[in-house]
Amino acid sequence: ESMKELIYLDSAATSHKPLYVTDALTSYYNKINSNVHRGAHSLSRLATSKYEKARDSIAKFVNAYSRNEIVFTSGATESLNLVASSYARSKLTKGDEIIITEME
């Protein structure tokens, strides 16, 4: 079945990835898959180096001061929760209420 007619608008939950992205993921998992920042062996050092280079690239792209401003999360929901809880910690007081949708 042809995919040419596909228009995919539900990118909040997931998104299609370009081939170069899935190729990079496949290469990572097949060749250097390792814990980042958690090992002393060569694969861990290589994975950590690539991870930090990605943070550097993104920092440059978004004009961040440093890679330390770049945080990877598992997805949009975790990212929004992290921002919301960080903001809320300094702004909300006892008795304040947060209103969310049923979807959350």
C-alpha atoms as a PDB file:
ATOM      1  CA  GLU A   1       0.000   0.000   0.000  1.00  0.00           C
ATOM      2  CA  SER A   2       1.374   3.400  -0.971  1.00  0.00           C
ATOM      3  CA  MET A   3       2.208   5.866   1.816  1.00  0.00           C
ATOM      4  CA  LYS A   4       2.179   8.898  -0.531  1.00  0.00           C
ATOM      5  CA  GLU A   5      -1.290   9.945   0.617  1.00  0.00           C
ATOM      6  CA  LEU A   6      -0.353   9.884   4.317  1.00  0.00           C
ATOM      7  CA  ILE A   7      -0.697  13.149   6.221  1.00  0.00           C
ATOM      8  CA  TYR A   8       0.310  12.568   9.831  1.00  0.00           C
ATOM      9  CA  LEU A   9      -0.830  15.255  12.271  1.00  0.00           C
ATOM     10  CA  ASP A  10      -0.608  13.467  15.643  1.00  0.00           C
ATOM     11  CA  SER A  11       2.991  14.418  16.330  1.00  0.00           C
ATOM     12  CA  ALA A  12       2.401  15.282  20.002  1.00  0.00           C
ATOM     13  CA  ALA A  13       2.451  11.601  20.943  1.00  0.00           C
ATOM     14  CA  THR A  14       4.889  10.323  18.335  1.00  0.00           C
ATOM     15  CA  SER A  15       6.410  11.358  15.060  1.00  0.00           C
ATOM     16  CA  HIS A  16       7.792   9.761  11.957  1.00  0.00           C
ATOM     17  CA  LYS A  17      11.549   9.941  11.681  1.00  0.00           C
ATOM     18  CA  PRO A  18      13.680  10.591   8.609  1.00  0.00           C
ATOM     19  CA  LEU A  19      15.759   7.664   7.391  1.00  0.00           C
ATOM     20  CA  TYR A  20      19.027   9.302   8.499  1.00  0.00           C
ATOM     21  CA  VAL A  21      17.663   9.406  12.064  1.00  0.00           C
ATOM     22  CA  THR A  22      16.667   5.742  12.136  1.00  0.00           C
ATOM     23  CA  ASP A  23      19.974   4.828  10.458  1.00  0.00           C
ATOM     24  CA  ALA A  24      21.872   6.687  13.195  1.00  0.00           C
ATOM     25  CA  LEU A  25      19.838   4.924  15.894  1.00  0.00           C
ATOM     26  CA  THR A  26      20.421   1.515  14.306  1.00  0.00           C
ATOM     27  CA  SER A  27      24.147   2.220  14.053  1.00  0.00           C
ATOM     28  CA  TYR A  28      24.272   3.316  17.690  1.00  0.00           C
ATOM     29  CA  TYR A  29      22.452   0.221  18.972  1.00  0.00           C
ATOM     30  CA  ASN A  30      24.474  -2.144  16.774  1.00  0.00           C
ATOM     31  CA  LYS A  31      27.914  -0.649  17.385  1.00  0.00           C
ATOM     32  CA  ILE A  32      28.292   1.483  20.527  1.00  0.00           C
ATOM     33  CA  ASN A  33      25.232   0.893  22.708  1.00  0.00           C
ATOM     34  CA  SER A  34      26.361   1.524  26.264  1.00  0.00           C
ATOM     35  CA  ASN A  35      25.508   3.452  29.401  1.00  0.00           C
ATOM     36  CA  VAL A  36      26.318   7.144  29.096  1.00  0.00           C
ATOM     37  CA  HIS A  37      28.347   8.622  31.999  1.00  0.00           C
ATOM     38  CA  ARG A  38      28.271   5.277  33.819  1.00  0.00           C
ATOM     39  CA  GLY A  39      31.154   3.159  32.614  1.00  0.00           C
ATOM     40  CA  ALA A  40      34.931   3.157  32.357  1.00  0.00           C
ATOM     41  CA  HIS A  41      35.121   0.905  29.299  1.00  0.00           C
ATOM     42  CA  SER A  42      35.656   2.097  25.721  1.00  0.00           C
ATOM     43  CA  LEU A  43      32.043   1.760  24.569  1.00  0.00           C
ATOM     44  CA  SER A  44      30.796   3.832  27.476  1.00  0.00           C
ATOM     45  CA  ARG A  45      33.392   6.512  26.786  1.00  0.00           C
ATOM     46  CA  LEU A  46      32.439   6.568  23.089  1.00  0.00           C
ATOM     47  CA  ALA A  47      28.698   6.711  23.859  1.00  0.00           C
ATOM     48  CA  THR A  48      29.307   9.515  26.362  1.00  0.00           C
ATOM     49  CA  SER A  49      31.374  11.439  23.820  1.00  0.00           C
ATOM     50  CA  LYS A  50      28.649  11.170  21.172  1.00  0.00           C
ATOM     51  CA  TYR A  51      25.979  12.125  23.720  1.00  0.00           C
ATOM     52  CA  GLU A  52      27.886  15.246  24.756  1.00  0.00           C
ATOM     53  CA  LYS A  53      28.586  16.173  21.116  1.00  0.00           C
ATOM     54  CA  ALA A  54      24.832  16.004  20.479  1.00  0.00           C
ATOM     55  CA  ARG A  55      24.247  18.327  23.442  1.00  0.00           C
ATOM     56  CA  ASP A  56      26.895  20.702  22.049  1.00  0.00           C
ATOM     57  CA  SER A  57      25.232  20.707  18.617  1.00  0.00           C
ATOM     58  CA  ILE A  58      21.812  21.407  20.077  1.00  0.00           C
ATOM     59  CA  ALA A  59      23.202  24.109  22.379  1.00  0.00           C
ATOM     60  CA  LYS A  60      24.734  25.844  19.378  1.00  0.00           C
ATOM     61  CA  PHE A  61      21.523  25.456  17.340  1.00  0.00           C
ATOM     62  CA  VAL A  62      19.301  27.017  20.040  1.00  0.00           C
ATOM     63  CA  ASN A  63      21.974  29.544  21.080  1.00  0.00           C
ATOM     64  CA  ALA A  64      22.272  28.148  24.606  1.00  0.00           C
ATOM     65  CA  TYR A  65      25.098  29.385  26.800  1.00  0.00           C
ATOM     66  CA  SER A  66      26.445  25.840  27.230  1.00  0.00           C
ATOM     67  CA  ARG A  67      25.583  22.167  26.851  1.00  0.00           C
ATOM     68  CA  ASN A  68      24.587  22.180  30.522  1.00  0.00           C
ATOM     69  CA  GLU A  69      21.386  23.966  29.511  1.00  0.00           C
ATOM     70  CA  ILE A  70      20.393  21.026  27.298  1.00  0.00           C
ATOM     71  CA  VAL A  71      18.401  18.257  28.979  1.00  0.00           C
ATOM     72  CA  PHE A  72      17.197  15.146  27.175  1.00  0.00           C
ATOM     73  CA  THR A  73      13.930  13.573  28.312  1.00  0.00           C
ATOM     74  CA  SER A  74      11.873  10.620  27.161  1.00  0.00           C
ATOM     75  CA  GLY A  75       9.304  12.816  25.444  1.00  0.00           C
ATOM     76  CA  ALA A  76       7.053  15.858  25.465  1.00  0.00           C
ATOM     77  CA  THR A  77       5.071  14.864  28.554  1.00  0.00           C
ATOM     78  CA  GLU A  78       8.177  14.375  30.693  1.00  0.00           C
ATOM     79  CA  SER A  79       9.621  17.639  29.370  1.00  0.00           C
ATOM     80  CA  LEU A  80       6.478  19.611  30.164  1.00  0.00           C
ATOM     81  CA  ASN A  81       6.232  18.025  33.621  1.00  0.00           C
ATOM     82  CA  LEU A  82       9.863  18.921  34.312  1.00  0.00           C
ATOM     83  CA  VAL A  83       9.354  22.542  33.273  1.00  0.00           C
ATOM     84  CA  ALA A  84       6.070  22.787  35.162  1.00  0.00           C
ATOM     85  CA  SER A  85       7.462  21.315  38.374  1.00  0.00           C
ATOM     86  CA  SER A  86      10.603  23.467  38.185  1.00  0.00           C
ATOM     87  CA  TYR A  87       8.522  26.588  37.685  1.00  0.00           C
ATOM     88  CA  ALA A  88       5.917  25.589  40.271  1.00  0.00           C
ATOM     89  CA  ARG A  89       8.489  24.942  42.969  1.00  0.00           C
ATOM     90  CA  SER A  90       9.425  28.616  43.085  1.00  0.00           C
ATOM     91  CA  LYS A  91       6.027  30.179  42.303  1.00  0.00           C
ATOM     92  CA  LEU A  92       3.257  28.181  43.962  1.00  0.00           C
ATOM     93  CA  THR A  93       2.279  28.405  47.595  1.00  0.00           C
ATOM     94  CA  LYS A  94       0.141  26.260  49.857  1.00  0.00           C
ATOM     95  CA  GLY A  95      -3.467  26.322  48.705  1.00  0.00           C
ATOM     96  CA  ASP A  96      -2.709  27.124  45.058  1.00  0.00           C
ATOM     97  CA  GLU A  97      -4.379  24.875  42.525  1.00  0.00           C
ATOM     98  CA  ILE A  98      -3.226  23.594  39.157  1.00  0.00           C
ATOM     99  CA  ILE A  99      -5.871  22.875  36.547  1.00  0.00           C
ATOM    100  CA  ILE A 100      -5.188  20.204  33.936  1.00  0.00           C
ATOM    101  CA  THR A 101      -7.204  18.491  31.234  1.00  0.00           C
ATOM    102  CA  GLU A 102      -8.679  14.999  31.515  1.00  0.00           C
ATOM    103  CA  MET A 103      -6.094  13.811  28.994  1.00  0.00           C
ATOM    104  CA  GLU A 104      -3.309  14.321  31.498  1.00  0.00           C
END
